[in-house]
Amino acid sequence: MSSSSSNSVNQYDVVAVVKRAVEIMSKFPSREIQLLSVLIMMNPENGTGCLSQINTDEGKTTIVAMLAAIKALEGHQINIVTYIHQN
């Protein structure tokens, strides 16, 4: 979704659509920290990836789902791996 194309979609519009989809499906509004996290992770520095630490109860599952949906809409293949450390 590059901004150089005249038919491209603004990344904020994409986030707004995915945000609304999450609200419809989960019946809960997205939190500001979730939206900020998504925007930050959508814009890593050129040629680099992005690693982020999200605190407990800030909605990691929702953040990952939103990012996966956005990347899938961009045509990327999505693989999600999770890990929970249990004592």
PDB file of N, CA and C in Angstrom:
ATOM      1  N   MET A   1       0.831  -1.163   0.000  1.00  0.00           N
ATOM      2  CA  MET A   1       0.000   0.000   0.000  1.00  0.00           C
ATOM      3  C   MET A   1       0.880   1.232   0.000  1.00  0.00           C
ATOM      4  N   SER A   2       1.561   1.407  -1.070  1.00  0.00           N
ATOM      5  CA  SER A   2       2.473   2.534  -1.169  1.00  0.00           C
ATOM      6  C   SER A   2       1.711   3.795  -1.511  1.00  0.00           C
ATOM      7  N   SER A   3       2.240   4.905  -1.053  1.00  0.00           N
ATOM      8  CA  SER A   3       1.556   6.163  -1.287  1.00  0.00           C
ATOM      9  C   SER A   3       1.869   6.741  -2.661  1.00  0.00           C
ATOM     10  N   SER A   4       2.738   6.064  -3.450  1.00  0.00           N
ATOM     11  CA  SER A   4       3.110   6.594  -4.750  1.00  0.00           C
ATOM     12  C   SER A   4       2.047   6.325  -5.816  1.00  0.00           C
ATOM     13  N   SER A   5       1.216   5.352  -5.598  1.00  0.00           N
ATOM     14  CA  SER A   5       0.186   4.996  -6.568  1.00  0.00           C
ATOM     15  C   SER A   5      -1.063   5.847  -6.348  1.00  0.00           C
ATOM     16  N   SER A   6      -1.687   6.242  -7.449  1.00  0.00           N
ATOM     17  CA  SER A   6      -2.890   7.065  -7.315  1.00  0.00           C
ATOM     18  C   SER A   6      -4.068   6.258  -6.777  1.00  0.00           C
ATOM     19  N   ASN A   7      -4.012   4.921  -6.903  1.00  0.00           N
ATOM     20  CA  ASN A   7      -5.084   4.063  -6.406  1.00  0.00           C
ATOM     21  C   ASN A   7      -4.768   3.484  -5.031  1.00  0.00           C
ATOM     22  N   SER A   8      -3.680   3.910  -4.444  1.00  0.00           N
ATOM     23  CA  SER A   8      -3.287   3.335  -3.162  1.00  0.00           C
ATOM     24  C   SER A   8      -4.201   3.826  -2.041  1.00  0.00           C
ATOM     25  N   VAL A   9      -4.192   3.059  -0.966  1.00  0.00           N
ATOM     26  CA  VAL A   9      -5.019   3.376   0.188  1.00  0.00           C
ATOM     27  C   VAL A   9      -4.096   3.860   1.296  1.00  0.00           C
ATOM     28  N   ASN A  10      -4.463   4.922   1.943  1.00  0.00           N
ATOM     29  CA  ASN A  10      -3.716   5.480   3.050  1.00  0.00           C
ATOM     30  C   ASN A  10      -3.660   4.466   4.186  1.00  0.00           C
ATOM     31  N   GLN A  11      -2.497   4.313   4.825  1.00  0.00           N
ATOM     32  CA  GLN A  11      -2.362   3.320   5.898  1.00  0.00           C
ATOM     33  C   GLN A  11      -3.304   3.602   7.063  1.00  0.00           C
ATOM     34  N   TYR A  12      -3.640   4.856   7.284  1.00  0.00           N
ATOM     35  CA  TYR A  12      -4.564   5.179   8.363  1.00  0.00           C
ATOM     36  C   TYR A  12      -5.979   4.716   8.021  1.00  0.00           C
ATOM     37  N   ASP A  13      -6.338   4.755   6.752  1.00  0.00           N
ATOM     38  CA  ASP A  13      -7.639   4.236   6.324  1.00  0.00           C
ATOM     39  C   ASP A  13      -7.699   2.726   6.508  1.00  0.00           C
ATOM     40  N   VAL A  14      -6.597   2.047   6.197  1.00  0.00           N
ATOM     41  CA  VAL A  14      -6.533   0.592   6.370  1.00  0.00           C
ATOM     42  C   VAL A  14      -6.688   0.247   7.850  1.00  0.00           C
ATOM     43  N   VAL A  15      -5.974   0.956   8.700  1.00  0.00           N
ATOM     44  CA  VAL A  15      -6.083   0.710  10.141  1.00  0.00           C
ATOM     45  C   VAL A  15      -7.504   0.981  10.619  1.00  0.00           C
ATOM     46  N   ALA A  16      -8.132   2.028  10.104  1.00  0.00           N
ATOM     47  CA  ALA A  16      -9.508   2.353  10.502  1.00  0.00           C
ATOM     48  C   ALA A  16     -10.475   1.233  10.119  1.00  0.00           C
ATOM     49  N   VAL A  17     -10.300   0.667   8.934  1.00  0.00           N
ATOM     50  CA  VAL A  17     -11.177  -0.425   8.492  1.00  0.00           C
ATOM     51  C   VAL A  17     -10.964  -1.667   9.350  1.00  0.00           C
ATOM     52  N   VAL A  18      -9.702  -2.015   9.610  1.00  0.00           N
ATOM     53  CA  VAL A  18      -9.407  -3.187  10.437  1.00  0.00           C
ATOM     54  C   VAL A  18      -9.881  -2.949  11.870  1.00  0.00           C
ATOM     55  N   LYS A  19      -9.711  -1.734  12.373  1.00  0.00           N
ATOM     56  CA  LYS A  19     -10.201  -1.374  13.708  1.00  0.00           C
ATOM     57  C   LYS A  19     -11.702  -1.596  13.802  1.00  0.00           C
ATOM     58  N   ARG A  20     -12.425  -1.164  12.798  1.00  0.00           N
ATOM     59  CA  ARG A  20     -13.888  -1.334  12.794  1.00  0.00           C
ATOM     60  C   ARG A  20     -14.263  -2.807  12.721  1.00  0.00           C
ATOM     61  N   ALA A  21     -13.534  -3.573  11.921  1.00  0.00           N
ATOM     62  CA  ALA A  21     -13.800  -5.015  11.811  1.00  0.00           C
ATOM     63  C   ALA A  21     -13.598  -5.704  13.160  1.00  0.00           C
ATOM     64  N   VAL A  22     -12.549  -5.314  13.880  1.00  0.00           N
ATOM     65  CA  VAL A  22     -12.301  -5.876  15.213  1.00  0.00           C
ATOM     66  C   VAL A  22     -13.452  -5.526  16.150  1.00  0.00           C
ATOM     67  N   GLU A  23     -13.904  -4.291  16.088  1.00  0.00           N
ATOM     68  CA  GLU A  23     -15.007  -3.868  16.955  1.00  0.00           C
ATOM     69  C   GLU A  23     -16.294  -4.630  16.643  1.00  0.00           C
ATOM     70  N   ILE A  24     -16.558  -4.867  15.369  1.00  0.00           N
ATOM     71  CA  ILE A  24     -17.761  -5.611  14.988  1.00  0.00           C
ATOM     72  C   ILE A  24     -17.670  -7.063  15.462  1.00  0.00           C
ATOM     73  N   MET A  25     -16.501  -7.678  15.256  1.00  0.00           N
ATOM     74  CA  MET A  25     -16.363  -9.096  15.587  1.00  0.00           C
ATOM     75  C   MET A  25     -16.227  -9.351  17.098  1.00  0.00           C
ATOM     76  N   SER A  26     -15.525  -8.478  17.798  1.00  0.00           N
ATOM     77  CA  SER A  26     -15.275  -8.731  19.225  1.00  0.00           C
ATOM     78  C   SER A  26     -16.268  -8.037  20.144  1.00  0.00           C
ATOM     79  N   LYS A  27     -17.020  -7.083  19.596  1.00  0.00           N
ATOM     80  CA  LYS A  27     -17.976  -6.281  20.373  1.00  0.00           C
ATOM     81  C   LYS A  27     -17.280  -5.351  21.371  1.00  0.00           C
ATOM     82  N   PHE A  28     -15.963  -5.170  21.212  1.00  0.00           N
ATOM     83  CA  PHE A  28     -15.195  -4.267  22.065  1.00  0.00           C
ATOM     84  C   PHE A  28     -14.424  -3.283  21.198  1.00  0.00           C
ATOM     85  N   PRO A  29     -14.306  -2.043  21.628  1.00  0.00           N
ATOM     86  CA  PRO A  29     -13.500  -1.086  20.858  1.00  0.00           C
ATOM     87  C   PRO A  29     -12.012  -1.379  21.017  1.00  0.00           C
ATOM     88  N   SER A  30     -11.251  -1.068  19.992  1.00  0.00           N
ATOM     89  CA  SER A  30      -9.795  -1.207  20.080  1.00  0.00           C
ATOM     90  C   SER A  30      -9.260  -0.139  21.026  1.00  0.00           C
ATOM     91  N   ARG A  31      -8.226  -0.492  21.757  1.00  0.00           N
ATOM     92  CA  ARG A  31      -7.597   0.452  22.683  1.00  0.00           C
ATOM     93  C   ARG A  31      -6.594   1.320  21.935  1.00  0.00           C
ATOM     94  N   GLU A  32      -6.336   2.498  22.465  1.00  0.00           N
ATOM     95  CA  GLU A  32      -5.366   3.397  21.836  1.00  0.00           C
ATOM     96  C   GLU A  32      -3.992   2.753  21.727  1.00  0.00           C
ATOM     97  N   ILE A  33      -3.565   2.024  22.765  1.00  0.00           N
ATOM     98  CA  ILE A  33      -2.246   1.383  22.738  1.00  0.00           C
ATOM     99  C   ILE A  33      -2.177   0.340  21.629  1.00  0.00           C
ATOM    100  N   GLN A  34      -3.296  -0.327  21.365  1.00  0.00           N
ATOM    101  CA  GLN A  34      -3.316  -1.308  20.275  1.00  0.00           C
ATOM    102  C   GLN A  34      -3.132  -0.619  18.931  1.00  0.00           C
ATOM    103  N   LEU A  35      -3.841   0.468  18.719  1.00  0.00           N
ATOM    104  CA  LEU A  35      -3.737   1.192  17.450  1.00  0.00           C
ATOM    105  C   LEU A  35      -2.352   1.791  17.273  1.00  0.00           C
ATOM    106  N   LEU A  36      -1.808   2.364  18.330  1.00  0.00           N
ATOM    107  CA  LEU A  36      -0.453   2.918  18.250  1.00  0.00           C
ATOM    108  C   LEU A  36       0.567   1.826  17.960  1.00  0.00           C
ATOM    109  N   SER A  37       0.420   0.680  18.603  1.00  0.00           N
ATOM    110  CA  SER A  37       1.335  -0.435  18.371  1.00  0.00           C
ATOM    111  C   SER A  37       1.274  -0.896  16.918  1.00  0.00           C
ATOM    112  N   VAL A  38       0.072  -0.996  16.378  1.00  0.00           N
ATOM    113  CA  VAL A  38      -0.093  -1.404  14.986  1.00  0.00           C
ATOM    114  C   VAL A  38       0.585  -0.405  14.053  1.00  0.00           C
ATOM    115  N   LEU A  39       0.355   0.870  14.277  1.00  0.00           N
ATOM    116  CA  LEU A  39       0.968   1.892  13.421  1.00  0.00           C
ATOM    117  C   LEU A  39       2.489   1.873  13.515  1.00  0.00           C
ATOM    118  N   ILE A  40       3.017   1.703  14.713  1.00  0.00           N
ATOM    119  CA  ILE A  40       4.472   1.647  14.879  1.00  0.00           C
ATOM    120  C   ILE A  40       5.039   0.432  14.154  1.00  0.00           C
ATOM    121  N   MET A  41       4.397  -0.713  14.311  1.00  0.00           N
ATOM    122  CA  MET A  41       4.911  -1.932  13.683  1.00  0.00           C
ATOM    123  C   MET A  41       4.702  -1.961  12.172  1.00  0.00           C
ATOM    124  N   MET A  42       3.786  -1.154  11.686  1.00  0.00           N
ATOM    125  CA  MET A  42       3.594  -1.072  10.230  1.00  0.00           C
ATOM    126  C   MET A  42       4.682  -0.237   9.572  1.00  0.00           C
ATOM    127  N   ASN A  43       5.415   0.535  10.344  1.00  0.00           N
ATOM    128  CA  ASN A  43       6.389   1.477   9.797  1.00  0.00           C
ATOM    129  C   ASN A  43       7.789   1.284  10.361  1.00  0.00           C
ATOM    130  N   PRO A  44       8.381   0.083  10.215  1.00  0.00           N
ATOM    131  CA  PRO A  44       9.755  -0.071  10.693  1.00  0.00           C
ATOM    132  C   PRO A  44      10.699   0.727   9.801  1.00  0.00           C
ATOM    133  N   GLU A  45      11.907   0.959  10.285  1.00  0.00           N
ATOM    134  CA  GLU A  45      12.893   1.651   9.470  1.00  0.00           C
ATOM    135  C   GLU A  45      13.177   0.812   8.233  1.00  0.00           C
ATOM    136  N   ASN A  46      13.549   1.460   7.152  1.00  0.00           N
ATOM    137  CA  ASN A  46      13.795   0.767   5.887  1.00  0.00           C
ATOM    138  C   ASN A  46      14.792  -0.377   6.056  1.00  0.00           C
ATOM    139  N   GLY A  47      14.424  -1.528   5.508  1.00  0.00           N
ATOM    140  CA  GLY A  47      15.311  -2.674   5.506  1.00  0.00           C
ATOM    141  C   GLY A  47      15.419  -3.398   6.827  1.00  0.00           C
ATOM    142  N   THR A  48      14.576  -3.068   7.782  1.00  0.00           N
ATOM    143  CA  THR A  48      14.643  -3.733   9.078  1.00  0.00           C
ATOM    144  C   THR A  48      13.290  -4.330   9.431  1.00  0.00           C
ATOM    145  N   GLY A  49      13.316  -5.211  10.373  1.00  0.00           N
ATOM    146  CA  GLY A  49      12.076  -5.749  10.905  1.00  0.00           C
ATOM    147  C   GLY A  49      11.656  -4.939  12.109  1.00  0.00           C
ATOM    148  N   CYS A  50      10.767  -5.515  12.888  1.00  0.00           N
ATOM    149  CA  CYS A  50      10.278  -4.790  14.055  1.00  0.00           C
ATOM    150  C   CYS A  50      10.031  -5.786  15.178  1.00  0.00           C
ATOM    151  N   LEU A  51      10.533  -5.471  16.340  1.00  0.00           N
ATOM    152  CA  LEU A  51      10.313  -6.277  17.527  1.00  0.00           C
ATOM    153  C   LEU A  51       9.684  -5.370  18.565  1.00  0.00           C
ATOM    154  N   SER A  52       8.642  -5.849  19.214  1.00  0.00           N
ATOM    155  CA  SER A  52       7.929  -4.993  20.156  1.00  0.00           C
ATOM    156  C   SER A  52       7.565  -5.785  21.397  1.00  0.00           C
ATOM    157  N   GLN A  53       7.663  -5.143  22.535  1.00  0.00           N
ATOM    158  CA  GLN A  53       7.237  -5.754  23.786  1.00  0.00           C
ATOM    159  C   GLN A  53       5.935  -5.095  24.208  1.00  0.00           C
ATOM    160  N   ILE A  54       4.911  -5.908  24.359  1.00  0.00           N
ATOM    161  CA  ILE A  54       3.590  -5.419  24.754  1.00  0.00           C
ATOM    162  C   ILE A  54       3.305  -5.957  26.151  1.00  0.00           C
ATOM    163  N   ASN A  55       2.934  -5.084  27.049  1.00  0.00           N
ATOM    164  CA  ASN A  55       2.675  -5.484  28.426  1.00  0.00           C
ATOM    165  C   ASN A  55       1.426  -6.348  28.555  1.00  0.00           C
ATOM    166  N   THR A  56       1.349  -7.043  29.663  1.00  0.00           N
ATOM    167  CA  THR A  56       0.190  -7.876  29.973  1.00  0.00           C
ATOM    168  C   THR A  56      -1.078  -7.027  29.979  1.00  0.00           C
ATOM    169  N   ASP A  57      -2.146  -7.586  29.449  1.00  0.00           N
ATOM    170  CA  ASP A  57      -3.473  -6.961  29.411  1.00  0.00           C
ATOM    171  C   ASP A  57      -3.569  -5.741  28.498  1.00  0.00           C
ATOM    172  N   GLU A  58      -2.648  -5.620  27.537  1.00  0.00           N
ATOM    173  CA  GLU A  58      -2.751  -4.522  26.574  1.00  0.00           C
ATOM    174  C   GLU A  58      -3.285  -5.010  25.226  1.00  0.00           C
ATOM    175  N   GLY A  59      -3.640  -6.269  25.122  1.00  0.00           N
ATOM    176  CA  GLY A  59      -4.294  -6.764  23.921  1.00  0.00           C
ATOM    177  C   GLY A  59      -3.367  -7.259  22.832  1.00  0.00           C
ATOM    178  N   LYS A  60      -2.389  -8.086  23.215  1.00  0.00           N
ATOM    179  CA  LYS A  60      -1.437  -8.621  22.234  1.00  0.00           C
ATOM    180  C   LYS A  60      -2.142  -9.400  21.132  1.00  0.00           C
ATOM    181  N   THR A  61      -3.129 -10.179  21.487  1.00  0.00           N
ATOM    182  CA  THR A  61      -3.840 -10.979  20.490  1.00  0.00           C
ATOM    183  C   THR A  61      -4.508 -10.079  19.458  1.00  0.00           C
ATOM    184  N   THR A  62      -5.128  -9.019  19.910  1.00  0.00           N
ATOM    185  CA  THR A  62      -5.785  -8.088  18.994  1.00  0.00           C
ATOM    186  C   THR A  62      -4.771  -7.383  18.111  1.00  0.00           C
ATOM    187  N   ILE A  63      -3.642  -6.980  18.682  1.00  0.00           N
ATOM    188  CA  ILE A  63      -2.598  -6.317  17.905  1.00  0.00           C
ATOM    189  C   ILE A  63      -2.083  -7.241  16.814  1.00  0.00           C
ATOM    190  N   VAL A  64      -1.794  -8.476  17.167  1.00  0.00           N
ATOM    191  CA  VAL A  64      -1.285  -9.443  16.189  1.00  0.00           C
ATOM    192  C   VAL A  64      -2.335  -9.719  15.117  1.00  0.00           C
ATOM    193  N   ALA A  65      -3.590  -9.852  15.513  1.00  0.00           N
ATOM    194  CA  ALA A  65      -4.660 -10.099  14.542  1.00  0.00           C
ATOM    195  C   ALA A  65      -4.817  -8.932  13.573  1.00  0.00           C
ATOM    196  N   MET A  66      -4.746  -7.714  14.096  1.00  0.00           N
ATOM    197  CA  MET A  66      -4.859  -6.533  13.237  1.00  0.00           C
ATOM    198  C   MET A  66      -3.698  -6.464  12.241  1.00  0.00           C
ATOM    199  N   LEU A  67      -2.475  -6.686  12.739  1.00  0.00           N
ATOM    200  CA  LEU A  67      -1.315  -6.665  11.850  1.00  0.00           C
ATOM    201  C   LEU A  67      -1.397  -7.767  10.797  1.00  0.00           C
ATOM    202  N   ALA A  68      -1.822  -8.953  11.211  1.00  0.00           N
ATOM    203  CA  ALA A  68      -1.954 -10.059  10.262  1.00  0.00           C
ATOM    204  C   ALA A  68      -2.968  -9.733   9.173  1.00  0.00           C
ATOM    205  N   ALA A  69      -4.090  -9.162   9.563  1.00  0.00           N
ATOM    206  CA  ALA A  69      -5.114  -8.793   8.580  1.00  0.00           C
ATOM    207  C   ALA A  69      -4.583  -7.752   7.597  1.00  0.00           C
ATOM    208  N   ILE A  70      -3.879  -6.759   8.110  1.00  0.00           N
ATOM    209  CA  ILE A  70      -3.343  -5.702   7.247  1.00  0.00           C
ATOM    210  C   ILE A  70      -2.313  -6.280   6.285  1.00  0.00           C
ATOM    211  N   LYS A  71      -1.407  -7.098   6.792  1.00  0.00           N
ATOM    212  CA  LYS A  71      -0.372  -7.686   5.930  1.00  0.00           C
ATOM    213  C   LYS A  71      -0.981  -8.640   4.907  1.00  0.00           C
ATOM    214  N   ALA A  72      -2.011  -9.386   5.302  1.00  0.00           N
ATOM    215  CA  ALA A  72      -2.690 -10.269   4.348  1.00  0.00           C
ATOM    216  C   ALA A  72      -3.360  -9.461   3.241  1.00  0.00           C
ATOM    217  N   LEU A  73      -3.972  -8.353   3.606  1.00  0.00           N
ATOM    218  CA  LEU A  73      -4.599  -7.494   2.604  1.00  0.00           C
ATOM    219  C   LEU A  73      -3.565  -6.900   1.648  1.00  0.00           C
ATOM    220  N   GLU A  74      -2.322  -6.743   2.121  1.00  0.00           N
ATOM    221  CA  GLU A  74      -1.235  -6.251   1.276  1.00  0.00           C
ATOM    222  C   GLU A  74      -0.649  -7.356   0.395  1.00  0.00           C
ATOM    223  N   GLY A  75      -1.123  -8.596   0.596  1.00  0.00           N
ATOM    224  CA  GLY A  75      -0.662  -9.703  -0.237  1.00  0.00           C
ATOM    225  C   GLY A  75       0.454 -10.535   0.369  1.00  0.00           C
ATOM    226  N   HIS A  76       0.791 -10.298   1.630  1.00  0.00           N
ATOM    227  CA  HIS A  76       1.842 -11.062   2.287  1.00  0.00           C
ATOM    228  C   HIS A  76       1.297 -12.383   2.816  1.00  0.00           C
ATOM    229  N   GLN A  77       2.159 -13.405   2.849  1.00  0.00           N
ATOM    230  CA  GLN A  77       1.798 -14.658   3.503  1.00  0.00           C
ATOM    231  C   GLN A  77       1.995 -14.464   4.996  1.00  0.00           C
ATOM    232  N   ILE A  78       1.066 -14.927   5.798  1.00  0.00           N
ATOM    233  CA  ILE A  78       1.094 -14.698   7.233  1.00  0.00           C
ATOM    234  C   ILE A  78       1.300 -16.011   7.976  1.00  0.00           C
ATOM    235  N   ASN A  79       2.262 -16.021   8.886  1.00  0.00           N
ATOM    236  CA  ASN A  79       2.489 -17.123   9.813  1.00  0.00           C
ATOM    237  C   ASN A  79       2.597 -16.512  11.200  1.00  0.00           C
ATOM    238  N   ILE A  80       1.854 -17.047  12.140  1.00  0.00           N
ATOM    239  CA  ILE A  80       1.891 -16.523  13.509  1.00  0.00           C
ATOM    240  C   ILE A  80       2.333 -17.657  14.431  1.00  0.00           C
ATOM    241  N   VAL A  81       3.348 -17.364  15.235  1.00  0.00           N
ATOM    242  CA  VAL A  81       3.860 -18.321  16.209  1.00  0.00           C
ATOM    243  C   VAL A  81       3.745 -17.677  17.582  1.00  0.00           C
ATOM    244  N   THR A  82       3.198 -18.402  18.545  1.00  0.00           N
ATOM    245  CA  THR A  82       3.071 -17.864  19.897  1.00  0.00           C
ATOM    246  C   THR A  82       3.760 -18.779  20.893  1.00  0.00           C
ATOM    247  N   TYR A  83       4.092 -18.232  22.030  1.00  0.00           N
ATOM    248  CA  TYR A  83       4.742 -18.983  23.085  1.00  0.00           C
ATOM    249  C   TYR A  83       4.297 -18.408  24.423  1.00  0.00           C
ATOM    250  N   ILE A  84       3.961 -19.281  25.341  1.00  0.00           N
ATOM    251  CA  ILE A  84       3.603 -18.852  26.695  1.00  0.00           C
ATOM    252  C   ILE A  84       4.499 -19.598  27.659  1.00  0.00           C
ATOM    253  N   HIS A  85       5.273 -18.855  28.432  1.00  0.00           N
ATOM    254  CA  HIS A  85       6.134 -19.444  29.452  1.00  0.00           C
ATOM    255  C   HIS A  85       5.306 -19.692  30.696  1.00  0.00           C
ATOM    256  N   GLN A  86       5.253 -20.946  31.118  1.00  0.00           N
ATOM    257  CA  GLN A  86       4.492 -21.286  32.314  1.00  0.00           C
ATOM    258  C   GLN A  86       5.435 -21.840  33.363  1.00  0.00           C
ATOM    259  N   ASN A  87       5.253 -21.396  34.586  1.00  0.00           N
ATOM    260  CA  ASN A  87       6.098 -21.882  35.693  1.00  0.00           C
ATOM    261  C   ASN A  87       5.562 -23.170  36.241  1.00  0.00           C
TER     262      ASN A  87
END
